[in-house]
Amino acid sequence: MKIATDRFTRLPLVSPTADAAKAAKLSTHDVRVAFVLNGNMLHAQFRVALYYRPNTLPDLKGQGPHWGLWEGDVVELFLRVGDSHYFEFQVSPLGQDFELKVIEPRTNVDREFRSGMLAKTEHRAWAGEWDTSMEIDLSRLGWQGDRSTITGNAFAILGKGEPRMHYSLNLPPQEKPDFHLPEHFKKLPGI
């Protein structure tokens, strides 16, 4: 499902610096995301522009999940559909994916979790663009149909070497990036 361009929201740079002026000079990408909910299906589409030097991990082969995928370029969606745990979804420019159920950040996770997420990527190197779409059946996450219970955050980690660029829909600027902050989850735009 293609989402209309006017529905996209820009993700600001949140690291490597909390200094907004310095962050604006370091940011070399334009990262945007849009969401559509159709029945139980959540469609998330990420668009990364000004993307000329991919940091990919081609050695991660086969079916996901690909643990460590975040060491290369990824777009990420963290989703909560109730009051307790949340879910992490990642996709690389090569179409590699990663899923995780997070019960307690960094201490209790379900590495065997699979939602059946469908992910597609399109990398147009000549144009410096990378698009990723994720389709997630929220009923597989335990969603009961109440839109008001859907919260989350969207992210991108881009770049090779240091400093890597960290973008987020809802996080404040950070010196050391930490995406596992569910207290910053909000209603997703368009949902």
N, C-alpha and C. Protein backbone atom coordinates (compact mmCIF):
# COMPACT_ATOMS: atom_id res chain seq x y z
N MET A 1 0.85 -1.18 0.00
CA MET A 1 0.00 0.00 0.00
C MET A 1 0.89 1.23 0.00
N LYS A 2 0.73 2.09 -0.99
CA LYS A 2 1.43 3.36 -1.04
C LYS A 2 0.61 4.40 -0.28
N ILE A 3 1.29 5.19 0.52
CA ILE A 3 0.63 6.21 1.32
C ILE A 3 0.93 7.58 0.71
N ALA A 4 -0.07 8.42 0.64
CA ALA A 4 0.08 9.75 0.03
C ALA A 4 1.18 10.55 0.71
N THR A 5 1.95 11.26 -0.09
CA THR A 5 3.09 12.03 0.40
C THR A 5 2.72 13.02 1.50
N ASP A 6 1.53 13.61 1.42
CA ASP A 6 1.14 14.62 2.42
C ASP A 6 0.84 14.03 3.79
N ARG A 7 0.83 12.70 3.92
CA ARG A 7 0.57 12.06 5.21
C ARG A 7 1.85 11.77 5.99
N PHE A 8 3.00 12.06 5.41
CA PHE A 8 4.27 11.74 6.06
C PHE A 8 4.66 12.78 7.10
N THR A 9 5.27 12.32 8.19
CA THR A 9 5.76 13.17 9.27
C THR A 9 7.28 13.01 9.33
N ARG A 10 7.99 14.11 9.44
CA ARG A 10 9.45 14.07 9.50
C ARG A 10 9.92 13.63 10.88
N LEU A 11 10.97 12.79 10.90
CA LEU A 11 11.60 12.37 12.15
C LEU A 11 12.82 13.25 12.38
N PRO A 12 12.86 14.01 13.47
CA PRO A 12 14.04 14.83 13.74
C PRO A 12 15.21 14.00 14.26
N LEU A 13 16.40 14.54 14.08
CA LEU A 13 17.62 13.94 14.61
C LEU A 13 17.61 14.09 16.13
N VAL A 14 17.87 13.01 16.86
CA VAL A 14 17.89 13.08 18.33
C VAL A 14 19.28 12.83 18.90
N SER A 15 20.21 12.37 18.10
CA SER A 15 21.58 12.21 18.55
C SER A 15 22.46 12.31 17.31
N PRO A 16 23.70 12.55 17.42
CA PRO A 16 24.58 12.32 18.55
C PRO A 16 24.72 13.49 19.50
N THR A 17 23.95 14.53 19.32
CA THR A 17 24.13 15.68 20.20
C THR A 17 22.78 16.24 20.63
N ALA A 18 22.72 16.76 21.81
CA ALA A 18 21.49 17.39 22.29
C ALA A 18 21.44 18.86 21.87
N ASP A 19 22.53 19.38 21.30
CA ASP A 19 22.58 20.76 20.82
C ASP A 19 21.86 20.84 19.47
N ALA A 20 20.71 21.48 19.44
CA ALA A 20 19.86 21.51 18.24
C ALA A 20 20.59 22.11 17.04
N ALA A 21 21.35 23.17 17.23
CA ALA A 21 22.05 23.81 16.11
C ALA A 21 23.10 22.88 15.53
N LYS A 22 23.85 22.22 16.42
CA LYS A 22 24.87 21.29 15.96
C LYS A 22 24.22 20.07 15.29
N ALA A 23 23.10 19.60 15.83
CA ALA A 23 22.39 18.46 15.24
C ALA A 23 21.93 18.77 13.84
N ALA A 24 21.44 19.98 13.60
CA ALA A 24 20.97 20.36 12.27
C ALA A 24 22.10 20.32 11.26
N LYS A 25 23.31 20.71 11.66
CA LYS A 25 24.46 20.67 10.76
C LYS A 25 24.92 19.24 10.48
N LEU A 26 24.79 18.35 11.46
CA LEU A 26 25.23 16.96 11.29
C LEU A 26 24.25 16.13 10.48
N SER A 27 22.98 16.46 10.55
CA SER A 27 21.96 15.65 9.90
C SER A 27 22.13 15.68 8.39
N THR A 28 22.28 14.52 7.80
CA THR A 28 22.48 14.43 6.36
C THR A 28 21.33 13.69 5.68
N HIS A 29 20.30 13.31 6.41
CA HIS A 29 19.19 12.54 5.85
C HIS A 29 17.87 13.27 6.10
N ASP A 30 16.91 12.94 5.27
CA ASP A 30 15.54 13.38 5.49
C ASP A 30 14.73 12.11 5.71
N VAL A 31 14.29 11.87 6.94
CA VAL A 31 13.59 10.64 7.31
C VAL A 31 12.15 10.98 7.63
N ARG A 32 11.23 10.26 7.00
CA ARG A 32 9.79 10.50 7.20
C ARG A 32 9.07 9.17 7.37
N VAL A 33 7.90 9.23 8.03
CA VAL A 33 7.09 8.04 8.25
C VAL A 33 5.63 8.42 8.15
N ALA A 34 4.82 7.45 7.71
CA ALA A 34 3.37 7.63 7.66
C ALA A 34 2.71 6.32 8.06
N PHE A 35 1.50 6.43 8.62
CA PHE A 35 0.76 5.26 9.10
C PHE A 35 -0.66 5.29 8.58
N VAL A 36 -1.18 4.09 8.29
CA VAL A 36 -2.59 3.90 7.94
C VAL A 36 -3.06 2.65 8.66
N LEU A 37 -4.22 2.73 9.30
CA LEU A 37 -4.84 1.56 9.93
C LEU A 37 -6.05 1.17 9.12
N ASN A 38 -6.07 -0.07 8.64
CA ASN A 38 -7.17 -0.58 7.84
C ASN A 38 -7.62 -1.90 8.48
N GLY A 39 -8.72 -1.86 9.25
CA GLY A 39 -9.12 -3.04 10.01
C GLY A 39 -8.08 -3.33 11.06
N ASN A 40 -7.58 -4.57 11.06
CA ASN A 40 -6.51 -4.96 12.00
C ASN A 40 -5.12 -4.67 11.47
N MET A 41 -5.02 -4.26 10.19
CA MET A 41 -3.71 -4.12 9.55
C MET A 41 -3.17 -2.70 9.71
N LEU A 42 -2.00 -2.62 10.32
CA LEU A 42 -1.29 -1.35 10.42
C LEU A 42 -0.27 -1.31 9.29
N HIS A 43 -0.32 -0.26 8.50
CA HIS A 43 0.63 -0.03 7.42
C HIS A 43 1.52 1.12 7.85
N ALA A 44 2.82 0.87 7.91
CA ALA A 44 3.80 1.91 8.22
C ALA A 44 4.72 2.03 7.02
N GLN A 45 4.93 3.25 6.56
CA GLN A 45 5.84 3.45 5.44
C GLN A 45 6.88 4.48 5.83
N PHE A 46 8.15 4.11 5.69
CA PHE A 46 9.28 4.98 5.96
C PHE A 46 9.89 5.42 4.64
N ARG A 47 10.30 6.67 4.59
CA ARG A 47 10.98 7.19 3.40
C ARG A 47 12.24 7.91 3.89
N VAL A 48 13.39 7.46 3.39
CA VAL A 48 14.67 8.07 3.74
C VAL A 48 15.24 8.69 2.46
N ALA A 49 15.44 10.00 2.47
CA ALA A 49 16.02 10.70 1.33
C ALA A 49 17.39 11.23 1.72
N LEU A 50 18.11 11.68 0.72
CA LEU A 50 19.50 12.12 0.91
C LEU A 50 20.30 10.94 1.48
N TYR A 51 20.09 9.78 0.87
CA TYR A 51 20.63 8.52 1.38
C TYR A 51 21.57 7.94 0.32
N TYR A 52 22.86 8.27 0.43
CA TYR A 52 23.81 7.88 -0.61
C TYR A 52 24.85 6.87 -0.16
N ARG A 53 25.05 6.70 1.11
CA ARG A 53 26.10 5.79 1.58
C ARG A 53 25.50 4.75 2.52
N PRO A 54 24.86 3.73 1.97
CA PRO A 54 24.21 2.73 2.83
C PRO A 54 25.21 1.98 3.69
N ASN A 55 24.82 1.75 4.92
CA ASN A 55 25.59 0.92 5.85
C ASN A 55 24.77 -0.35 6.04
N THR A 56 25.01 -1.34 5.17
CA THR A 56 24.22 -2.57 5.20
C THR A 56 25.05 -3.73 5.70
N LEU A 57 24.36 -4.79 6.09
CA LEU A 57 25.00 -6.00 6.61
C LEU A 57 24.60 -7.19 5.74
N PRO A 58 25.20 -7.31 4.54
CA PRO A 58 24.78 -8.37 3.60
C PRO A 58 25.05 -9.79 4.11
N ASP A 59 25.91 -9.95 5.11
CA ASP A 59 26.20 -11.30 5.62
C ASP A 59 25.06 -11.88 6.45
N LEU A 60 24.09 -11.05 6.86
CA LEU A 60 22.92 -11.56 7.59
C LEU A 60 21.95 -12.12 6.55
N LYS A 61 21.96 -13.42 6.38
CA LYS A 61 21.18 -14.06 5.32
C LYS A 61 20.03 -14.87 5.90
N GLY A 62 19.10 -15.26 5.02
CA GLY A 62 18.00 -16.14 5.40
C GLY A 62 16.87 -15.39 6.07
N GLN A 63 15.91 -16.18 6.56
CA GLN A 63 14.76 -15.61 7.26
C GLN A 63 15.20 -14.94 8.54
N GLY A 64 14.52 -13.84 8.88
CA GLY A 64 14.79 -13.14 10.14
C GLY A 64 14.25 -13.95 11.29
N PRO A 65 14.39 -13.53 12.49
CA PRO A 65 14.90 -12.22 12.81
C PRO A 65 16.42 -12.18 12.75
N HIS A 66 16.93 -11.04 12.42
CA HIS A 66 18.37 -10.83 12.31
C HIS A 66 18.85 -10.04 13.52
N TRP A 67 19.28 -10.76 14.56
CA TRP A 67 19.77 -10.13 15.76
C TRP A 67 21.00 -9.30 15.41
N GLY A 68 21.06 -8.06 15.86
CA GLY A 68 22.17 -7.18 15.55
C GLY A 68 21.96 -6.35 14.30
N LEU A 69 20.76 -6.43 13.71
CA LEU A 69 20.46 -5.68 12.49
C LEU A 69 20.70 -4.18 12.68
N TRP A 70 20.49 -3.69 13.89
CA TRP A 70 20.65 -2.27 14.21
C TRP A 70 22.10 -1.80 14.10
N GLU A 71 23.04 -2.70 13.90
CA GLU A 71 24.44 -2.30 13.69
C GLU A 71 24.64 -1.69 12.31
N GLY A 72 23.68 -1.94 11.40
CA GLY A 72 23.66 -1.30 10.09
C GLY A 72 22.51 -0.31 10.05
N ASP A 73 22.22 0.21 8.87
CA ASP A 73 21.10 1.15 8.72
C ASP A 73 19.79 0.40 8.88
N VAL A 74 18.89 0.96 9.67
CA VAL A 74 17.56 0.38 9.88
C VAL A 74 16.54 1.48 10.10
N VAL A 75 15.29 1.16 9.78
CA VAL A 75 14.16 1.93 10.28
C VAL A 75 13.47 1.02 11.28
N GLU A 76 12.88 1.63 12.32
CA GLU A 76 12.31 0.85 13.41
C GLU A 76 10.95 1.41 13.81
N LEU A 77 10.10 0.50 14.23
CA LEU A 77 8.80 0.86 14.79
C LEU A 77 8.63 0.13 16.10
N PHE A 78 8.38 0.88 17.17
CA PHE A 78 8.05 0.30 18.47
C PHE A 78 6.57 0.53 18.67
N LEU A 79 5.85 -0.51 19.02
CA LEU A 79 4.39 -0.45 19.09
C LEU A 79 3.88 -1.05 20.38
N ARG A 80 2.90 -0.38 20.97
CA ARG A 80 2.18 -0.92 22.13
C ARG A 80 0.70 -0.86 21.79
N VAL A 81 -0.02 -1.95 22.09
CA VAL A 81 -1.46 -2.00 21.78
C VAL A 81 -2.29 -2.22 23.04
N GLY A 82 -1.72 -1.92 24.17
CA GLY A 82 -2.40 -2.07 25.46
C GLY A 82 -1.59 -1.39 26.54
N ASP A 83 -1.67 -1.92 27.75
CA ASP A 83 -1.01 -1.27 28.88
C ASP A 83 0.32 -1.89 29.29
N SER A 84 0.69 -3.05 28.74
CA SER A 84 1.87 -3.71 29.27
C SER A 84 3.04 -3.68 28.29
N HIS A 85 3.42 -4.79 27.74
CA HIS A 85 4.62 -4.92 26.91
C HIS A 85 4.45 -4.16 25.59
N TYR A 86 5.57 -4.10 24.85
CA TYR A 86 5.54 -3.50 23.52
C TYR A 86 6.33 -4.37 22.56
N PHE A 87 6.26 -4.01 21.28
CA PHE A 87 6.87 -4.80 20.22
C PHE A 87 7.82 -3.92 19.41
N GLU A 88 8.93 -4.52 18.98
CA GLU A 88 9.93 -3.81 18.19
C GLU A 88 10.01 -4.46 16.82
N PHE A 89 9.98 -3.63 15.78
CA PHE A 89 10.09 -4.10 14.39
C PHE A 89 11.17 -3.28 13.70
N GLN A 90 12.06 -3.96 12.97
CA GLN A 90 13.13 -3.29 12.24
C GLN A 90 13.21 -3.84 10.83
N VAL A 91 13.60 -2.98 9.89
CA VAL A 91 13.85 -3.41 8.51
C VAL A 91 15.06 -2.64 7.99
N SER A 92 15.93 -3.35 7.28
CA SER A 92 17.12 -2.74 6.69
C SER A 92 16.86 -2.41 5.21
N PRO A 93 17.78 -1.66 4.58
CA PRO A 93 17.62 -1.37 3.15
C PRO A 93 17.66 -2.63 2.29
N LEU A 94 18.22 -3.72 2.81
CA LEU A 94 18.28 -4.98 2.07
C LEU A 94 17.03 -5.84 2.29
N GLY A 95 16.07 -5.33 3.07
CA GLY A 95 14.84 -6.08 3.34
C GLY A 95 14.96 -7.06 4.50
N GLN A 96 16.09 -7.07 5.18
CA GLN A 96 16.25 -7.93 6.35
C GLN A 96 15.36 -7.38 7.47
N ASP A 97 14.83 -8.30 8.30
CA ASP A 97 13.93 -7.81 9.34
C ASP A 97 14.29 -8.39 10.70
N PHE A 98 13.70 -7.77 11.70
CA PHE A 98 13.91 -8.16 13.09
C PHE A 98 12.64 -7.83 13.85
N GLU A 99 12.21 -8.74 14.71
CA GLU A 99 11.03 -8.54 15.56
C GLU A 99 11.37 -8.97 16.97
N LEU A 100 10.77 -8.30 17.93
CA LEU A 100 11.02 -8.63 19.32
C LEU A 100 9.82 -8.19 20.16
N LYS A 101 9.44 -9.02 21.10
CA LYS A 101 8.44 -8.63 22.10
C LYS A 101 9.22 -8.21 23.34
N VAL A 102 8.99 -6.98 23.78
CA VAL A 102 9.73 -6.42 24.92
C VAL A 102 8.78 -6.36 26.12
N ILE A 103 9.06 -7.20 27.12
CA ILE A 103 8.24 -7.24 28.32
C ILE A 103 8.76 -6.19 29.31
N GLU A 104 10.08 -6.12 29.45
CA GLU A 104 10.75 -5.12 30.27
C GLU A 104 12.03 -4.72 29.52
N PRO A 105 12.19 -3.44 29.17
CA PRO A 105 13.35 -3.04 28.36
C PRO A 105 14.67 -3.54 28.93
N ARG A 106 15.46 -4.14 28.05
CA ARG A 106 16.82 -4.64 28.32
C ARG A 106 16.90 -5.77 29.33
N THR A 107 15.79 -6.20 29.93
CA THR A 107 15.89 -7.27 30.93
C THR A 107 15.01 -8.48 30.62
N ASN A 108 13.88 -8.28 29.95
CA ASN A 108 12.96 -9.39 29.70
C ASN A 108 12.35 -9.23 28.31
N VAL A 109 12.83 -10.07 27.37
CA VAL A 109 12.34 -10.01 25.99
C VAL A 109 12.02 -11.42 25.50
N ASP A 110 11.12 -11.49 24.54
CA ASP A 110 10.78 -12.76 23.90
C ASP A 110 11.40 -12.76 22.51
N ARG A 111 12.55 -13.44 22.38
CA ARG A 111 13.28 -13.48 21.11
C ARG A 111 12.61 -14.41 20.10
N GLU A 112 11.68 -15.23 20.54
CA GLU A 112 10.99 -16.17 19.65
C GLU A 112 9.74 -15.56 19.03
N PHE A 113 9.34 -14.38 19.45
CA PHE A 113 8.13 -13.74 18.97
C PHE A 113 8.17 -13.54 17.45
N ARG A 114 7.06 -13.84 16.77
CA ARG A 114 6.89 -13.58 15.34
C ARG A 114 5.47 -13.09 15.11
N SER A 115 5.34 -11.95 14.47
CA SER A 115 4.02 -11.38 14.20
C SER A 115 3.50 -11.73 12.82
N GLY A 116 4.39 -12.18 11.95
CA GLY A 116 4.00 -12.36 10.56
C GLY A 116 4.11 -11.07 9.77
N MET A 117 4.85 -10.09 10.28
CA MET A 117 5.03 -8.81 9.60
C MET A 117 5.49 -9.04 8.16
N LEU A 118 4.89 -8.29 7.24
CA LEU A 118 5.35 -8.27 5.86
C LEU A 118 6.12 -6.98 5.65
N ALA A 119 7.34 -7.10 5.18
CA ALA A 119 8.18 -5.92 4.96
C ALA A 119 8.66 -5.91 3.52
N LYS A 120 8.64 -4.72 2.94
CA LYS A 120 9.14 -4.54 1.57
C LYS A 120 10.05 -3.32 1.58
N THR A 121 11.13 -3.40 0.79
CA THR A 121 12.02 -2.26 0.67
C THR A 121 12.26 -1.94 -0.80
N GLU A 122 12.53 -0.70 -1.04
CA GLU A 122 12.92 -0.25 -2.37
C GLU A 122 14.04 0.76 -2.17
N HIS A 123 15.21 0.43 -2.71
CA HIS A 123 16.37 1.30 -2.57
C HIS A 123 16.72 1.83 -3.96
N ARG A 124 16.60 3.13 -4.13
CA ARG A 124 16.91 3.77 -5.40
C ARG A 124 18.19 4.57 -5.21
N ALA A 125 19.34 3.85 -5.38
CA ALA A 125 20.64 4.46 -5.14
C ALA A 125 20.86 5.68 -6.03
N TRP A 126 20.44 5.63 -7.26
CA TRP A 126 20.63 6.73 -8.21
C TRP A 126 19.92 8.00 -7.72
N ALA A 127 18.84 7.84 -6.96
CA ALA A 127 18.08 8.99 -6.46
C ALA A 127 18.40 9.31 -5.01
N GLY A 128 19.20 8.47 -4.37
CA GLY A 128 19.51 8.67 -2.96
C GLY A 128 18.30 8.49 -2.07
N GLU A 129 17.46 7.47 -2.38
CA GLU A 129 16.23 7.23 -1.62
C GLU A 129 16.11 5.76 -1.23
N TRP A 130 15.46 5.56 -0.10
CA TRP A 130 15.17 4.22 0.39
C TRP A 130 13.79 4.27 1.04
N ASP A 131 12.89 3.41 0.58
CA ASP A 131 11.55 3.29 1.15
C ASP A 131 11.40 1.91 1.76
N THR A 132 10.73 1.85 2.88
CA THR A 132 10.38 0.58 3.52
C THR A 132 8.93 0.65 3.94
N SER A 133 8.21 -0.43 3.66
CA SER A 133 6.85 -0.53 4.18
C SER A 133 6.76 -1.76 5.07
N MET A 134 6.00 -1.60 6.15
CA MET A 134 5.73 -2.71 7.08
C MET A 134 4.22 -2.87 7.17
N GLU A 135 3.77 -4.11 7.10
CA GLU A 135 2.36 -4.42 7.33
C GLU A 135 2.30 -5.36 8.51
N ILE A 136 1.58 -4.94 9.55
CA ILE A 136 1.52 -5.70 10.80
C ILE A 136 0.06 -5.92 11.17
N ASP A 137 -0.29 -7.19 11.37
CA ASP A 137 -1.64 -7.55 11.82
C ASP A 137 -1.68 -7.35 13.33
N LEU A 138 -2.33 -6.28 13.77
CA LEU A 138 -2.35 -5.94 15.20
C LEU A 138 -3.06 -6.98 16.05
N SER A 139 -3.96 -7.75 15.47
CA SER A 139 -4.62 -8.79 16.26
C SER A 139 -3.60 -9.82 16.74
N ARG A 140 -2.51 -10.00 16.00
CA ARG A 140 -1.45 -10.93 16.43
C ARG A 140 -0.64 -10.38 17.60
N LEU A 141 -0.83 -9.09 17.88
CA LEU A 141 -0.16 -8.47 19.02
C LEU A 141 -1.08 -8.39 20.23
N GLY A 142 -2.31 -8.87 20.07
CA GLY A 142 -3.28 -8.84 21.16
C GLY A 142 -4.21 -7.64 21.11
N TRP A 143 -4.19 -6.88 20.02
CA TRP A 143 -5.04 -5.69 19.91
C TRP A 143 -6.50 -6.10 19.85
N GLN A 144 -7.33 -5.36 20.60
CA GLN A 144 -8.76 -5.65 20.70
C GLN A 144 -9.63 -4.74 19.85
N GLY A 145 -9.03 -3.89 19.02
CA GLY A 145 -9.81 -3.07 18.12
C GLY A 145 -10.02 -1.63 18.54
N ASP A 146 -9.47 -1.22 19.69
CA ASP A 146 -9.64 0.15 20.18
C ASP A 146 -8.43 0.99 19.74
N ARG A 147 -8.65 1.91 18.79
CA ARG A 147 -7.56 2.75 18.26
C ARG A 147 -6.83 3.52 19.35
N SER A 148 -7.53 3.88 20.41
CA SER A 148 -6.92 4.70 21.46
C SER A 148 -5.82 3.95 22.22
N THR A 149 -5.75 2.62 22.08
CA THR A 149 -4.73 1.85 22.77
C THR A 149 -3.44 1.69 21.96
N ILE A 150 -3.42 2.20 20.73
CA ILE A 150 -2.24 2.06 19.87
C ILE A 150 -1.32 3.26 20.10
N THR A 151 -0.15 2.99 20.67
CA THR A 151 0.87 4.02 20.85
C THR A 151 2.20 3.47 20.39
N GLY A 152 3.16 4.34 20.21
CA GLY A 152 4.47 3.86 19.80
C GLY A 152 5.41 4.98 19.45
N ASN A 153 6.45 4.61 18.72
CA ASN A 153 7.45 5.55 18.28
C ASN A 153 8.10 4.98 17.03
N ALA A 154 8.61 5.84 16.18
CA ALA A 154 9.30 5.44 14.97
C ALA A 154 10.71 5.99 15.00
N PHE A 155 11.65 5.22 14.45
CA PHE A 155 13.06 5.56 14.54
C PHE A 155 13.78 5.22 13.24
N ALA A 156 14.96 5.79 13.10
CA ALA A 156 15.91 5.37 12.07
C ALA A 156 17.30 5.51 12.67
N ILE A 157 18.16 4.54 12.35
CA ILE A 157 19.58 4.61 12.69
C ILE A 157 20.32 4.53 11.37
N LEU A 158 21.09 5.56 11.07
CA LEU A 158 21.74 5.64 9.76
C LEU A 158 23.19 6.08 9.91
N GLY A 159 24.02 5.61 9.00
CA GLY A 159 25.40 6.05 8.94
C GLY A 159 26.38 4.97 9.32
N LYS A 160 27.60 5.20 8.89
CA LYS A 160 28.69 4.27 9.13
C LYS A 160 29.71 4.97 10.02
N GLY A 161 30.27 4.24 10.97
CA GLY A 161 31.26 4.84 11.85
C GLY A 161 30.61 5.74 12.88
N GLU A 162 31.40 6.58 13.47
CA GLU A 162 30.89 7.49 14.50
C GLU A 162 30.97 8.92 14.02
N PRO A 163 30.01 9.75 14.29
CA PRO A 163 28.79 9.39 14.99
C PRO A 163 27.74 8.88 14.00
N ARG A 164 26.97 7.88 14.40
CA ARG A 164 25.82 7.44 13.63
C ARG A 164 24.67 8.39 13.94
N MET A 165 23.76 8.52 12.98
CA MET A 165 22.64 9.44 13.14
C MET A 165 21.42 8.66 13.64
N HIS A 166 20.79 9.16 14.70
CA HIS A 166 19.61 8.54 15.30
C HIS A 166 18.44 9.52 15.19
N TYR A 167 17.37 9.07 14.56
CA TYR A 167 16.19 9.89 14.34
C TYR A 167 15.01 9.28 15.09
N SER A 168 14.11 10.13 15.58
CA SER A 168 12.95 9.63 16.32
C SER A 168 11.76 10.55 16.14
N LEU A 169 10.59 9.93 16.08
CA LEU A 169 9.35 10.67 15.98
C LEU A 169 9.03 11.40 17.28
N ASN A 170 9.28 10.76 18.44
CA ASN A 170 8.81 11.29 19.72
C ASN A 170 9.86 11.51 20.80
N LEU A 171 11.09 11.12 20.59
CA LEU A 171 12.08 11.27 21.66
C LEU A 171 12.66 12.68 21.70
N PRO A 172 13.02 13.15 22.89
CA PRO A 172 13.77 14.41 22.97
C PRO A 172 15.23 14.15 22.55
N PRO A 173 16.01 15.22 22.29
CA PRO A 173 17.43 15.03 21.97
C PRO A 173 18.14 14.28 23.09
N GLN A 174 19.12 13.47 22.70
CA GLN A 174 19.86 12.64 23.66
C GLN A 174 21.34 12.65 23.32
N GLU A 175 22.18 12.65 24.34
CA GLU A 175 23.62 12.48 24.12
C GLU A 175 23.93 11.04 23.76
N LYS A 176 23.32 10.10 24.49
CA LYS A 176 23.50 8.67 24.22
C LYS A 176 22.14 8.11 23.85
N PRO A 177 21.97 7.66 22.60
CA PRO A 177 20.64 7.25 22.15
C PRO A 177 20.09 6.03 22.90
N ASP A 178 18.83 6.13 23.27
CA ASP A 178 18.10 5.02 23.91
C ASP A 178 16.67 5.07 23.39
N PHE A 179 16.32 4.11 22.53
CA PHE A 179 14.98 4.07 21.96
C PHE A 179 14.00 3.36 22.89
N HIS A 180 14.50 2.58 23.83
CA HIS A 180 13.62 1.79 24.71
C HIS A 180 13.13 2.63 25.88
N LEU A 181 12.35 3.66 25.55
CA LEU A 181 11.77 4.56 26.54
C LEU A 181 10.27 4.64 26.29
N PRO A 182 9.52 3.63 26.73
CA PRO A 182 8.08 3.61 26.44
C PRO A 182 7.31 4.79 27.02
N GLU A 183 7.89 5.50 27.98
CA GLU A 183 7.22 6.67 28.51
C GLU A 183 7.09 7.78 27.45
N HIS A 184 7.83 7.65 26.35
CA HIS A 184 7.74 8.62 25.26
C HIS A 184 6.87 8.12 24.11
N PHE A 185 6.25 6.96 24.25
CA PHE A 185 5.34 6.48 23.20
C PHE A 185 4.12 7.40 23.14
N LYS A 186 3.67 7.67 21.93
CA LYS A 186 2.51 8.53 21.72
C LYS A 186 1.62 7.92 20.65
N LYS A 187 0.47 8.51 20.49
CA LYS A 187 -0.44 8.12 19.41
C LYS A 187 0.31 8.35 18.10
N LEU A 188 0.21 7.38 17.19
CA LEU A 188 0.91 7.50 15.91
C LEU A 188 0.14 8.43 14.97
N PRO A 189 0.83 9.30 14.24
CA PRO A 189 0.13 10.22 13.34
C PRO A 189 -0.74 9.47 12.33
N GLY A 190 -1.97 9.91 12.17
CA GLY A 190 -2.86 9.29 11.21
C GLY A 190 -3.68 8.14 11.75
N ILE A 191 -3.41 7.71 12.96
CA ILE A 191 -4.13 6.57 13.55
C ILE A 191 -5.20 7.07 14.50
